[in-house]
């Protein structure tokens, strides 16, 4: 989870995410930095986890935009802090109604975006990963304590998906944004899909 802002060369690693809005995002970003001080990733749910593309990025983006109208905006409710066995990833679980994200993954994980996931796809919000084994339990306990102290609504409306590309320094660049239910597409300027 280390980020090196000096290494901006793009690599063939893409993902589709939904960024979490404030005040929840600010809380989660702060929590992630408390758990892993070198992590500067913005809180999000991965709909398509990182993958290499076999097609050009603009073709993959057209595929996303062609299928995205199938999905209206919907509410996401959050549950408790858990740890994935095997990978020791500390994460915030989604409530039992996360089927829509799983459905989005199944529909969009096709054609040029298709990838065999390293682990079974489980919608979640990553809080910490790549941790020394001896620190996982203590950091998970810290995350649980902080989550119990969170005073605001424990959910958000998922209404936007963002296509992102990684760099050699593990800095993710937004390539395109699609607003569910409106069909509004935004490409950051002067960023072009590559």
Protein backbone atom coordinates (compact mmCIF):
# COMPACT_ATOMS: atom_id res chain seq x y z
CA UNK A 1 0.00 0.00 0.00
CA UNK A 2 3.00 2.25 -0.35
CA UNK A 3 2.57 5.15 -2.72
CA UNK A 4 5.45 6.89 -4.49
CA UNK A 5 4.21 10.14 -6.08
CA UNK A 6 7.39 10.46 -8.14
CA UNK A 7 6.65 7.30 -10.17
CA UNK A 8 3.74 8.28 -12.44
CA UNK A 9 4.33 5.94 -15.42
CA UNK A 10 1.06 4.17 -16.15
CA UNK A 11 0.95 0.39 -16.12
CA UNK A 12 -1.50 -2.19 -17.48
CA UNK A 13 -3.49 -2.38 -14.26
CA UNK A 14 -7.07 -1.08 -14.31
CA UNK A 15 -10.03 -1.23 -11.95
CA UNK A 16 -13.61 -0.02 -11.71
CA UNK A 17 -14.49 1.56 -8.38
CA UNK A 18 -17.14 3.61 -6.66
CA UNK A 19 -15.70 6.30 -4.42
CA UNK A 20 -17.42 6.74 -1.09
CA UNK A 21 -18.85 10.21 -0.31
CA UNK A 22 -18.13 12.32 2.78
CA UNK A 23 -18.47 12.31 5.73
CA UNK A 24 -17.97 8.53 5.56
CA UNK A 25 -15.04 8.82 3.11
CA UNK A 26 -13.17 11.28 5.33
CA UNK A 27 -13.60 8.94 8.30
CA UNK A 28 -12.44 5.89 6.33
CA UNK A 29 -9.49 7.72 4.77
CA UNK A 30 -8.37 8.83 8.22
CA UNK A 31 -8.81 5.29 9.59
CA UNK A 32 -6.78 3.79 6.73
CA UNK A 33 -3.93 6.19 7.44
CA UNK A 34 -4.10 5.38 11.13
CA UNK A 35 -3.78 1.67 10.33
CA UNK A 36 -1.23 2.07 7.51
CA UNK A 37 0.40 5.55 7.62
CA UNK A 38 1.85 5.17 4.10
CA UNK A 39 -1.57 4.53 2.50
CA UNK A 40 -3.11 7.48 0.71
CA UNK A 41 -5.79 5.67 -1.30
CA UNK A 42 -9.25 7.24 -1.31
CA UNK A 43 -12.01 5.10 0.27
CA UNK A 44 -13.87 3.09 -2.36
CA UNK A 45 -15.61 -0.14 -3.22
CA UNK A 46 -14.01 -2.10 -6.05
CA UNK A 47 -16.56 -3.33 -8.58
CA UNK A 48 -13.82 -4.76 -10.79
CA UNK A 49 -10.63 -5.32 -8.77
CA UNK A 50 -7.28 -4.49 -10.41
CA UNK A 51 -6.64 -6.36 -13.64
CA UNK A 52 -4.64 -6.27 -16.85
CA UNK A 53 -6.58 -5.43 -19.99
CA UNK A 54 -6.34 -7.41 -23.21
CA UNK A 55 -7.96 -4.54 -25.14
CA UNK A 56 -7.18 -0.81 -25.30
CA UNK A 57 -8.47 1.22 -22.33
CA UNK A 58 -10.88 3.22 -24.52
CA UNK A 59 -12.49 -0.02 -25.71
CA UNK A 60 -12.83 -1.23 -22.12
CA UNK A 61 -14.41 2.13 -21.18
CA UNK A 62 -16.94 1.83 -24.02
CA UNK A 63 -17.81 -1.65 -22.73
CA UNK A 64 -18.43 -0.21 -19.25
CA UNK A 65 -20.54 2.66 -20.61
CA UNK A 66 -22.53 0.23 -22.75
CA UNK A 67 -23.48 -1.96 -19.78
CA UNK A 68 -23.72 0.65 -17.00
CA UNK A 69 -27.26 1.79 -17.96
CA UNK A 70 -28.49 -1.58 -16.65
CA UNK A 71 -27.79 -0.38 -13.11
CA UNK A 72 -29.74 2.35 -11.33
CA UNK A 73 -28.25 4.05 -8.25
CA UNK A 74 -28.77 2.10 -5.04
CA UNK A 75 -28.10 2.28 -1.31
CA UNK A 76 -25.14 0.47 0.23
CA UNK A 77 -25.29 -0.39 3.92
CA UNK A 78 -22.14 -1.20 5.88
CA UNK A 79 -21.75 -3.87 8.53
CA UNK A 80 -18.75 -4.77 10.72
CA UNK A 81 -14.97 -4.86 10.43
CA UNK A 82 -13.62 -8.27 9.42
CA UNK A 83 -10.38 -9.90 8.26
CA UNK A 84 -10.14 -12.05 5.12
CA UNK A 85 -8.49 -15.36 6.05
CA UNK A 86 -5.43 -16.15 3.99
CA UNK A 87 -4.71 -12.60 2.83
CA UNK A 88 -5.10 -10.88 6.23
CA UNK A 89 -6.84 -7.94 4.58
CA UNK A 90 -8.76 -5.88 7.14
CA UNK A 91 -12.01 -4.70 5.61
CA UNK A 92 -15.41 -3.22 6.26
CA UNK A 93 -18.08 -5.70 5.27
CA UNK A 94 -21.25 -4.73 3.46
CA UNK A 95 -24.68 -5.66 4.79
CA UNK A 96 -26.39 -8.70 3.33
CA UNK A 97 -27.94 -6.63 0.52
CA UNK A 98 -24.67 -6.29 -1.43
CA UNK A 99 -26.08 -8.43 -4.26
CA UNK A 100 -26.24 -5.46 -6.64
CA UNK A 101 -22.47 -4.97 -6.48
CA UNK A 102 -21.92 -8.69 -7.05
CA UNK A 103 -24.27 -8.49 -10.03
CA UNK A 104 -22.40 -5.47 -11.42
CA UNK A 105 -19.14 -7.39 -11.10
CA UNK A 106 -20.57 -10.40 -12.93
CA UNK A 107 -22.00 -8.30 -15.78
CA UNK A 108 -18.94 -6.06 -16.22
CA UNK A 109 -16.29 -8.78 -15.78
CA UNK A 110 -16.72 -9.73 -19.43
CA UNK A 111 -15.11 -9.21 -22.83
CA UNK A 112 -11.98 -7.01 -22.61
CA UNK A 113 -12.43 -6.50 -18.86
CA UNK A 114 -12.68 -10.19 -18.01
CA UNK A 115 -10.23 -11.44 -15.41
CA UNK A 116 -9.99 -14.45 -13.15
CA UNK A 117 -9.97 -12.93 -9.68
CA UNK A 118 -7.16 -13.97 -7.32
CA UNK A 119 -9.79 -14.42 -4.59
CA UNK A 120 -13.55 -14.96 -4.65
CA UNK A 121 -15.24 -11.61 -5.29
CA UNK A 122 -16.73 -10.28 -2.05
CA UNK A 123 -17.89 -6.63 -2.08
CA UNK A 124 -16.11 -4.74 0.72
CA UNK A 125 -14.15 -1.63 1.66
CA UNK A 126 -10.46 -2.35 2.26
CA UNK A 127 -9.08 -0.73 5.39
CA UNK A 128 -5.58 -2.27 5.50
CA UNK A 129 -3.60 -4.87 3.58
CA UNK A 130 -0.06 -6.20 3.12
CA UNK A 131 0.48 -6.07 6.88
CA UNK A 132 3.09 -7.88 8.95
CA UNK A 133 1.35 -11.00 10.25
CA UNK A 134 1.94 -10.11 13.88
CA UNK A 135 0.11 -6.77 13.55
CA UNK A 136 -3.14 -7.90 11.93
CA UNK A 137 -5.13 -8.72 15.08
CA UNK A 138 -4.20 -5.49 16.91
CA UNK A 139 -4.94 -3.34 13.85
CA UNK A 140 -8.26 -5.12 13.27
CA UNK A 141 -9.19 -4.41 16.90
CA UNK A 142 -8.31 -0.72 16.40
CA UNK A 143 -10.46 -0.61 13.25
CA UNK A 144 -13.39 -2.21 15.09
CA UNK A 145 -13.11 0.28 17.94
CA UNK A 146 -13.00 3.27 15.57
CA UNK A 147 -15.94 1.93 13.54
CA UNK A 148 -18.02 1.56 16.70
CA UNK A 149 -17.27 5.24 17.47
CA UNK A 150 -18.40 6.46 14.04
CA UNK A 151 -21.37 8.81 14.72
CA UNK A 152 -22.92 9.15 11.24
CA UNK A 153 -25.01 7.05 8.88
CA UNK A 154 -23.35 3.73 8.07
CA UNK A 155 -24.11 3.67 4.39
CA UNK A 156 -24.23 5.71 1.21
CA UNK A 157 -25.86 5.93 -2.20
CA UNK A 158 -23.78 4.25 -4.91
CA UNK A 159 -24.52 6.43 -7.93
CA UNK A 160 -21.16 6.83 -9.68
CA UNK A 161 -18.57 4.40 -11.02
CA UNK A 162 -15.03 5.42 -11.93
CA UNK A 163 -12.61 3.67 -14.29
CA UNK A 164 -9.05 3.96 -12.92
CA UNK A 165 -5.51 3.04 -13.97
CA UNK A 166 -2.53 2.34 -11.73
CA UNK A 167 1.02 3.67 -12.05
CA UNK A 168 4.45 2.29 -11.15
CA UNK A 169 4.24 4.27 -7.89
CA UNK A 170 0.83 2.75 -7.00
CA UNK A 171 -0.99 6.02 -7.62
CA UNK A 172 -4.39 5.47 -9.21
CA UNK A 173 -5.48 7.87 -11.96
CA UNK A 174 -9.17 8.47 -12.73
CA UNK A 175 -9.82 7.83 -16.43
CA UNK A 176 -13.58 8.14 -16.67
CA UNK A 177 -16.68 8.57 -14.52
CA UNK A 178 -20.20 7.30 -15.21
CA UNK A 179 -23.21 8.52 -13.20
CA UNK A 180 -25.70 5.69 -12.82
CA UNK A 181 -29.25 6.53 -13.73
CA UNK A 182 -28.30 9.61 -15.75
CA UNK A 183 -25.94 8.24 -18.38
CA UNK A 184 -23.67 11.22 -17.74
CA UNK A 185 -20.08 10.40 -18.70
CA UNK A 186 -17.12 12.51 -17.66
CA UNK A 187 -13.51 12.17 -18.81
CA UNK A 188 -10.99 14.18 -16.79
CA UNK A 189 -9.18 16.82 -18.86
CA UNK A 190 -6.58 16.71 -20.25
CA UNK A 191 -6.42 13.01 -19.33
CA UNK A 192 -7.10 10.72 -22.24
CA UNK A 193 -7.76 7.03 -22.07
CA UNK A 194 -4.61 5.14 -23.00
